[in-house]
C-alpha atoms as a PDB file:
ATOM      1  CA  UNK A   1     164.181 170.786 155.740  1.00  0.00           C
ATOM      2  CA  UNK A   2     167.936 170.644 155.347  1.00  0.00           C
ATOM      3  CA  UNK A   3     170.061 168.477 157.581  1.00  0.00           C
ATOM      4  CA  UNK A   4     172.723 171.204 157.866  1.00  0.00           C
ATOM      5  CA  UNK A   5     170.180 173.750 159.118  1.00  0.00           C
ATOM      6  CA  UNK A   6     168.765 171.345 161.703  1.00  0.00           C
ATOM      7  CA  UNK A   7     172.275 170.509 162.888  1.00  0.00           C
ATOM      8  CA  UNK A   8     173.166 174.168 163.319  1.00  0.00           C
ATOM      9  CA  UNK A   9     170.060 174.802 165.410  1.00  0.00           C
ATOM     10  CA  UNK A  10     170.744 171.737 167.566  1.00  0.00           C
ATOM     11  CA  UNK A  11     174.275 172.925 168.375  1.00  0.00           C
ATOM     12  CA  UNK A  12     172.964 175.845 170.421  1.00  0.00           C
ATOM     13  CA  UNK A  13     173.301 174.435 173.944  1.00  0.00           C
ATOM     14  CA  UNK A  14     170.788 171.575 173.982  1.00  0.00           C
ATOM     15  CA  UNK A  15     169.626 170.547 177.450  1.00  0.00           C
ATOM     16  CA  UNK A  16     169.411 166.863 178.340  1.00  0.00           C
ATOM     17  CA  UNK A  17     165.932 166.082 179.677  1.00  0.00           C
ATOM     18  CA  UNK A  18     165.990 162.286 179.610  1.00  0.00           C
ATOM     19  CA  UNK A  19     168.828 159.843 179.161  1.00  0.00           C
ATOM     20  CA  UNK A  20     167.537 156.861 177.263  1.00  0.00           C
ATOM     21  CA  UNK A  21     168.259 153.292 178.329  1.00  0.00           C
ATOM     22  CA  UNK A  22     171.002 151.378 176.611  1.00  0.00           C
ATOM     23  CA  UNK A  23     168.874 150.941 173.464  1.00  0.00           C
ATOM     24  CA  UNK A  24     166.951 154.231 173.550  1.00  0.00           C
ATOM     25  CA  UNK A  25     167.812 157.675 172.264  1.00  0.00           C
ATOM     26  CA  UNK A  26     168.784 160.463 174.634  1.00  0.00           C
ATOM     27  CA  UNK A  27     166.248 163.304 174.588  1.00  0.00           C
ATOM     28  CA  UNK A  28     167.338 166.939 174.607  1.00  0.00           C
ATOM     29  CA  UNK A  29     165.522 170.245 174.340  1.00  0.00           C
ATOM     30  CA  UNK A  30     167.309 172.493 171.872  1.00  0.00           C
ATOM     31  CA  UNK A  31     166.698 176.087 170.739  1.00  0.00           C
ATOM     32  CA  UNK A  32     165.125 176.290 167.307  1.00  0.00           C
ATOM     33  CA  UNK A  33     164.664 179.812 166.045  1.00  0.00           C
ATOM     34  CA  UNK A  34     162.382 181.603 168.498  1.00  0.00           C
ATOM     35  CA  UNK A  35     161.055 178.344 169.908  1.00  0.00           C
ATOM     36  CA  UNK A  36     162.378 175.048 171.240  1.00  0.00           C
ATOM     37  CA  UNK A  37     162.666 171.645 169.625  1.00  0.00           C
ATOM     38  CA  UNK A  38     163.128 168.066 170.742  1.00  0.00           C
ATOM     39  CA  UNK A  39     166.447 166.511 169.750  1.00  0.00           C
ATOM     40  CA  UNK A  40     166.467 162.689 169.811  1.00  0.00           C
ATOM     41  CA  UNK A  41     170.066 161.546 169.730  1.00  0.00           C
ATOM     42  CA  UNK A  42     171.753 158.124 169.507  1.00  0.00           C
ATOM     43  CA  UNK A  43     175.313 159.451 169.201  1.00  0.00           C
ATOM     44  CA  UNK A  44     176.342 158.598 172.801  1.00  0.00           C
ATOM     45  CA  UNK A  45     175.230 154.955 172.540  1.00  0.00           C
ATOM     46  CA  UNK A  46     177.282 151.828 171.890  1.00  0.00           C
ATOM     47  CA  UNK A  47     177.951 151.076 168.235  1.00  0.00           C
ATOM     48  CA  UNK A  48     175.258 148.363 167.802  1.00  0.00           C
ATOM     49  CA  UNK A  49     172.658 150.793 169.172  1.00  0.00           C
ATOM     50  CA  UNK A  50     173.979 153.577 166.953  1.00  0.00           C
ATOM     51  CA  UNK A  51     173.572 151.288 163.965  1.00  0.00           C
ATOM     52  CA  UNK A  52     169.952 150.519 164.899  1.00  0.00           C
ATOM     53  CA  UNK A  53     169.451 154.181 165.751  1.00  0.00           C
ATOM     54  CA  UNK A  54     170.323 155.238 162.212  1.00  0.00           C
ATOM     55  CA  UNK A  55     167.505 153.032 160.937  1.00  0.00           C
ATOM     56  CA  UNK A  56     165.060 154.371 163.536  1.00  0.00           C
ATOM     57  CA  UNK A  57     165.930 157.995 162.795  1.00  0.00           C
ATOM     58  CA  UNK A  58     165.503 157.516 159.043  1.00  0.00           C
ATOM     59  CA  UNK A  59     162.187 155.730 159.554  1.00  0.00           C
ATOM     60  CA  UNK A  60     160.805 158.351 161.934  1.00  0.00           C
ATOM     61  CA  UNK A  61     161.807 161.174 159.600  1.00  0.00           C
ATOM     62  CA  UNK A  62     159.931 159.516 156.730  1.00  0.00           C
ATOM     63  CA  UNK A  63     156.804 158.990 158.844  1.00  0.00           C
ATOM     64  CA  UNK A  64     156.792 162.570 160.129  1.00  0.00           C
ATOM     65  CA  UNK A  65     157.375 163.939 156.642  1.00  0.00           C
ATOM     66  CA  UNK A  66     154.413 161.960 155.327  1.00  0.00           C
ATOM     67  CA  UNK A  67     152.257 163.408 158.120  1.00  0.00           C
ATOM     68  CA  UNK A  68     153.505 166.961 157.611  1.00  0.00           C
ATOM     69  CA  UNK A  69     150.852 169.580 158.384  1.00  0.00           C
ATOM     70  CA  UNK A  70     148.616 167.249 160.389  1.00  0.00           C
ATOM     71  CA  UNK A  71     147.403 168.841 163.614  1.00  0.00           C
ATOM     72  CA  UNK A  72     148.498 166.698 166.544  1.00  0.00           C
ATOM     73  CA  UNK A  73     151.686 165.422 164.879  1.00  0.00           C
ATOM     74  CA  UNK A  74     155.015 167.137 165.691  1.00  0.00           C
ATOM     75  CA  UNK A  75     156.606 168.930 162.777  1.00  0.00           C
ATOM     76  CA  UNK A  76     159.864 167.367 161.640  1.00  0.00           C
ATOM     77  CA  UNK A  77     162.688 169.913 161.443  1.00  0.00           C
ATOM     78  CA  UNK A  78     165.058 167.373 159.921  1.00  0.00           C
ATOM     79  CA  UNK A  79     167.731 164.819 160.785  1.00  0.00           C
ATOM     80  CA  UNK A  80     170.785 165.833 162.796  1.00  0.00           C
ATOM     81  CA  UNK A  81     173.524 163.920 161.054  1.00  0.00           C
ATOM     82  CA  UNK A  82     172.602 160.242 160.836  1.00  0.00           C
ATOM     83  CA  UNK A  83     172.070 159.636 164.536  1.00  0.00           C
ATOM     84  CA  UNK A  84     169.708 162.412 165.551  1.00  0.00           C
ATOM     85  CA  UNK A  85     166.381 163.981 164.746  1.00  0.00           C
ATOM     86  CA  UNK A  86     165.040 167.441 165.482  1.00  0.00           C
ATOM     87  CA  UNK A  87     161.296 167.909 165.801  1.00  0.00           C
ATOM     88  CA  UNK A  88     158.705 170.266 167.195  1.00  0.00           C
ATOM     89  CA  UNK A  89     158.403 170.361 170.967  1.00  0.00           C
ATOM     90  CA  UNK A  90     154.791 169.740 172.017  1.00  0.00           C
ATOM     91  CA  UNK A  91     153.752 171.120 175.386  1.00  0.00           C
ATOM     92  CA  UNK A  92     151.293 168.568 176.704  1.00  0.00           C
ATOM     93  CA  UNK A  93     150.510 166.060 179.434  1.00  0.00           C
ATOM     94  CA  UNK A  94     150.564 162.296 179.109  1.00  0.00           C
ATOM     95  CA  UNK A  95     147.081 161.034 178.283  1.00  0.00           C
ATOM     96  CA  UNK A  96     146.865 159.308 181.676  1.00  0.00           C
ATOM     97  CA  UNK A  97     147.527 162.469 183.685  1.00  0.00           C
ATOM     98  CA  UNK A  98     145.424 164.695 181.413  1.00  0.00           C
ATOM     99  CA  UNK A  99     142.364 162.469 181.815  1.00  0.00           C
ATOM    100  CA  UNK A 100     142.757 162.524 185.607  1.00  0.00           C
ATOM    101  CA  UNK A 101     142.926 166.316 185.578  1.00  0.00           C
ATOM    102  CA  UNK A 102     140.207 166.904 182.968  1.00  0.00           C
ATOM    103  CA  UNK A 103     137.616 164.092 183.224  1.00  0.00           C
ATOM    104  CA  UNK A 104     134.925 166.299 181.726  1.00  0.00           C
ATOM    105  CA  UNK A 105     136.931 166.725 178.530  1.00  0.00           C
ATOM    106  CA  UNK A 106     137.587 163.039 177.922  1.00  0.00           C
ATOM    107  CA  UNK A 107     134.705 162.482 175.477  1.00  0.00           C
ATOM    108  CA  UNK A 108     135.851 165.244 173.141  1.00  0.00           C
ATOM    109  CA  UNK A 109     139.505 164.287 173.485  1.00  0.00           C
ATOM    110  CA  UNK A 110     138.927 160.618 172.623  1.00  0.00           C
ATOM    111  CA  UNK A 111     136.811 161.603 169.635  1.00  0.00           C
ATOM    112  CA  UNK A 112     139.669 163.817 168.407  1.00  0.00           C
ATOM    113  CA  UNK A 113     142.209 161.060 169.070  1.00  0.00           C
ATOM    114  CA  UNK A 114     140.240 158.544 167.019  1.00  0.00           C
ATOM    115  CA  UNK A 115     140.014 161.088 164.207  1.00  0.00           C
ATOM    116  CA  UNK A 116     143.744 161.779 164.349  1.00  0.00           C
ATOM    117  CA  UNK A 117     144.631 158.092 164.201  1.00  0.00           C
ATOM    118  CA  UNK A 118     142.225 157.657 161.290  1.00  0.00           C
ATOM    119  CA  UNK A 119     143.874 160.490 159.358  1.00  0.00           C
ATOM    120  CA  UNK A 120     147.308 158.961 160.015  1.00  0.00           C
ATOM    121  CA  UNK A 121     146.072 155.698 158.545  1.00  0.00           C
ATOM    122  CA  UNK A 122     144.597 157.508 155.541  1.00  0.00           C
ATOM    123  CA  UNK A 123     148.122 158.758 154.784  1.00  0.00           C
ATOM    124  CA  UNK A 124     149.488 155.244 155.138  1.00  0.00           C
ATOM    125  CA  UNK A 125     151.241 155.647 158.518  1.00  0.00           C
ATOM    126  CA  UNK A 126     150.644 153.121 161.310  1.00  0.00           C
ATOM    127  CA  UNK A 127     152.145 153.964 164.701  1.00  0.00           C
ATOM    128  CA  UNK A 128     151.998 150.522 166.393  1.00  0.00           C
ATOM    129  CA  UNK A 129     153.190 151.758 169.819  1.00  0.00           C
ATOM    130  CA  UNK A 130     150.237 153.772 171.105  1.00  0.00           C
ATOM    131  CA  UNK A 131     149.831 151.489 174.124  1.00  0.00           C
ATOM    132  CA  UNK A 132     152.790 153.310 175.644  1.00  0.00           C
ATOM    133  CA  UNK A 133     151.395 156.226 177.625  1.00  0.00           C
ATOM    134  CA  UNK A 134     154.358 158.469 176.771  1.00  0.00           C
ATOM    135  CA  UNK A 135     153.379 158.411 173.097  1.00  0.00           C
ATOM    136  CA  UNK A 136     150.047 160.222 173.444  1.00  0.00           C
ATOM    137  CA  UNK A 137     150.166 163.767 174.795  1.00  0.00           C
ATOM    138  CA  UNK A 138     147.228 166.113 175.284  1.00  0.00           C
ATOM    139  CA  UNK A 139     147.617 169.883 175.191  1.00  0.00           C
ATOM    140  CA  UNK A 140     145.959 172.315 177.577  1.00  0.00           C
ATOM    141  CA  UNK A 141     143.347 172.934 174.867  1.00  0.00           C
ATOM    142  CA  UNK A 142     142.445 169.232 174.785  1.00  0.00           C
ATOM    143  CA  UNK A 143     144.179 168.438 171.494  1.00  0.00           C
ATOM    144  CA  UNK A 144     145.648 164.904 171.489  1.00  0.00           C
ATOM    145  CA  UNK A 145     149.088 164.582 169.943  1.00  0.00           C
ATOM    146  CA  UNK A 146     150.878 161.437 168.831  1.00  0.00           C
ATOM    147  CA  UNK A 147     154.671 161.305 169.129  1.00  0.00           C
ATOM    148  CA  UNK A 148     157.566 158.837 168.799  1.00  0.00           C
ATOM    149  CA  UNK A 149     157.160 157.209 165.395  1.00  0.00           C
ATOM    150  CA  UNK A 150     160.346 155.128 165.514  1.00  0.00           C
ATOM    151  CA  UNK A 151     158.335 151.862 165.439  1.00  0.00           C
ATOM    152  CA  UNK A 152     155.885 153.031 162.788  1.00  0.00           C
ATOM    153  CA  UNK A 153     155.236 151.397 159.442  1.00  0.00           C
ATOM    154  CA  UNK A 154     154.379 153.196 156.210  1.00  0.00           C
ATOM    155  CA  UNK A 155     152.346 151.687 153.415  1.00  0.00           C
ATOM    156  CA  UNK A 156     151.375 153.262 150.115  1.00  0.00           C
ATOM    157  CA  UNK A 157     147.582 153.675 150.186  1.00  0.00           C
ATOM    158  CA  UNK A 158     145.942 151.434 147.616  1.00  0.00           C
ATOM    159  CA  UNK A 159     148.996 149.224 147.161  1.00  0.00           C
ATOM    160  CA  UNK A 160     148.854 145.438 147.444  1.00  0.00           C
ATOM    161  CA  UNK A 161     150.782 145.619 150.748  1.00  0.00           C
ATOM    162  CA  UNK A 162     148.268 148.130 152.104  1.00  0.00           C
ATOM    163  CA  UNK A 163     145.302 146.007 151.077  1.00  0.00           C
ATOM    164  CA  UNK A 164     146.809 142.983 152.814  1.00  0.00           C
ATOM    165  CA  UNK A 165     148.321 144.552 155.923  1.00  0.00           C
ATOM    166  CA  UNK A 166     146.424 147.774 156.617  1.00  0.00           C
ATOM    167  CA  UNK A 167     143.398 146.082 158.269  1.00  0.00           C
ATOM    168  CA  UNK A 168     145.718 144.346 160.764  1.00  0.00           C
ATOM    169  CA  UNK A 169     147.803 147.447 161.458  1.00  0.00           C
ATOM    170  CA  UNK A 170     144.731 149.646 161.850  1.00  0.00           C
ATOM    171  CA  UNK A 171     143.429 147.208 164.429  1.00  0.00           C
ATOM    172  CA  UNK A 172     146.657 147.477 166.444  1.00  0.00           C
ATOM    173  CA  UNK A 173     146.371 151.271 166.705  1.00  0.00           C
ATOM    174  CA  UNK A 174     142.603 151.221 167.246  1.00  0.00           C
ATOM    175  CA  UNK A 175     143.045 148.615 169.981  1.00  0.00           C
ATOM    176  CA  UNK A 176     145.487 150.907 171.758  1.00  0.00           C
ATOM    177  CA  UNK A 177     143.040 153.821 171.660  1.00  0.00           C
ATOM    178  CA  UNK A 178     140.307 151.519 172.963  1.00  0.00           C
ATOM    179  CA  UNK A 179     142.599 150.410 175.798  1.00  0.00           C
ATOM    180  CA  UNK A 180     143.119 153.991 176.978  1.00  0.00           C
ATOM    181  CA  UNK A 181     139.428 154.793 176.664  1.00  0.00           C
ATOM    182  CA  UNK A 182     138.506 151.704 178.706  1.00  0.00           C
ATOM    183  CA  UNK A 183     141.058 152.473 181.409  1.00  0.00           C
ATOM    184  CA  UNK A 184     140.693 156.226 181.643  1.00  0.00           C
ATOM    185  CA  UNK A 185     137.046 156.880 180.730  1.00  0.00           C
ATOM    186  CA  UNK A 186     135.158 153.543 180.865  1.00  0.00           C
ATOM    187  CA  UNK A 187     131.826 155.297 181.069  1.00  0.00           C
ATOM    188  CA  UNK A 188     132.300 156.469 177.479  1.00  0.00           C
ATOM    189  CA  UNK A 189     132.466 152.959 176.023  1.00  0.00           C
ATOM    190  CA  UNK A 190     129.608 151.821 173.838  1.00  0.00           C
ATOM    191  CA  UNK A 191     128.346 148.276 174.291  1.00  0.00           C
ATOM    192  CA  UNK A 192     130.132 147.147 171.136  1.00  0.00           C
ATOM    193  CA  UNK A 193     133.360 148.725 172.387  1.00  0.00           C
ATOM    194  CA  UNK A 194     132.988 146.927 175.710  1.00  0.00           C
ATOM    195  CA  UNK A 195     132.621 143.596 173.955  1.00  0.00           C
ATOM    196  CA  UNK A 196     135.582 144.290 171.716  1.00  0.00           C
ATOM    197  CA  UNK A 197     137.738 145.373 174.634  1.00  0.00           C
ATOM    198  CA  UNK A 198     136.906 142.230 176.620  1.00  0.00           C
ATOM    199  CA  UNK A 199     137.648 140.072 173.589  1.00  0.00           C
ATOM    200  CA  UNK A 200     140.945 141.800 172.825  1.00  0.00           C
ATOM    201  CA  UNK A 201     142.003 141.747 176.483  1.00  0.00           C
ATOM    202  CA  UNK A 202     141.459 138.000 176.579  1.00  0.00           C
ATOM    203  CA  UNK A 203     143.455 137.489 173.402  1.00  0.00           C
ATOM    204  CA  UNK A 204     146.328 139.571 174.771  1.00  0.00           C
ATOM    205  CA  UNK A 205     146.422 137.499 177.955  1.00  0.00           C
ATOM    206  CA  UNK A 206     146.673 134.334 175.872  1.00  0.00           C
ATOM    207  CA  UNK A 207     149.410 135.809 173.650  1.00  0.00           C
ATOM    208  CA  UNK A 208     152.716 134.379 174.913  1.00  0.00           C
ATOM    209  CA  UNK A 209     154.719 137.435 173.816  1.00  0.00           C
ATOM    210  CA  UNK A 210     152.455 139.913 175.637  1.00  0.00           C
END
């Protein structure tokens, strides 16, 4: 996964698909071999954002590398310089739209999503931004995919940090999955999930930084 190779692929006429806000990366689609890739790029931003972008790119690369080979996680093709990242393009719908279009598939999809998040945690990667609808895509086959790991945290499984922090971080991601299940397929909630969702919703309303 050489940086030079990823850079060469990205140079082949990338197409801008979304210009990020002042603090967000611009998103391009770039040719990558016989397929296409997503190129996240901070190079056009102001220097303070570029500085933060270098940290985000490095962090996302490490998270994606740790999750390499996991179905539902985009493959990382490598950094593009220090301000960009090239990764697999996943053809899917936002979880909100997919559930509206495929209500009958929600039970299976949410079961797969919970399994995917659990496998991420088993590898020591915690996403922490799954409440954002853009970060969960679902393919036409009903496979949930998690993207955008720039806010993720990695812990070494079994380490002291993992023993102390993993229960809290797991709860953040699990709470996000529960939120989407409650909003998009409330009929699938068990009674214990309903109680937990009501409790967590109340706590979030009381949280001043919500």
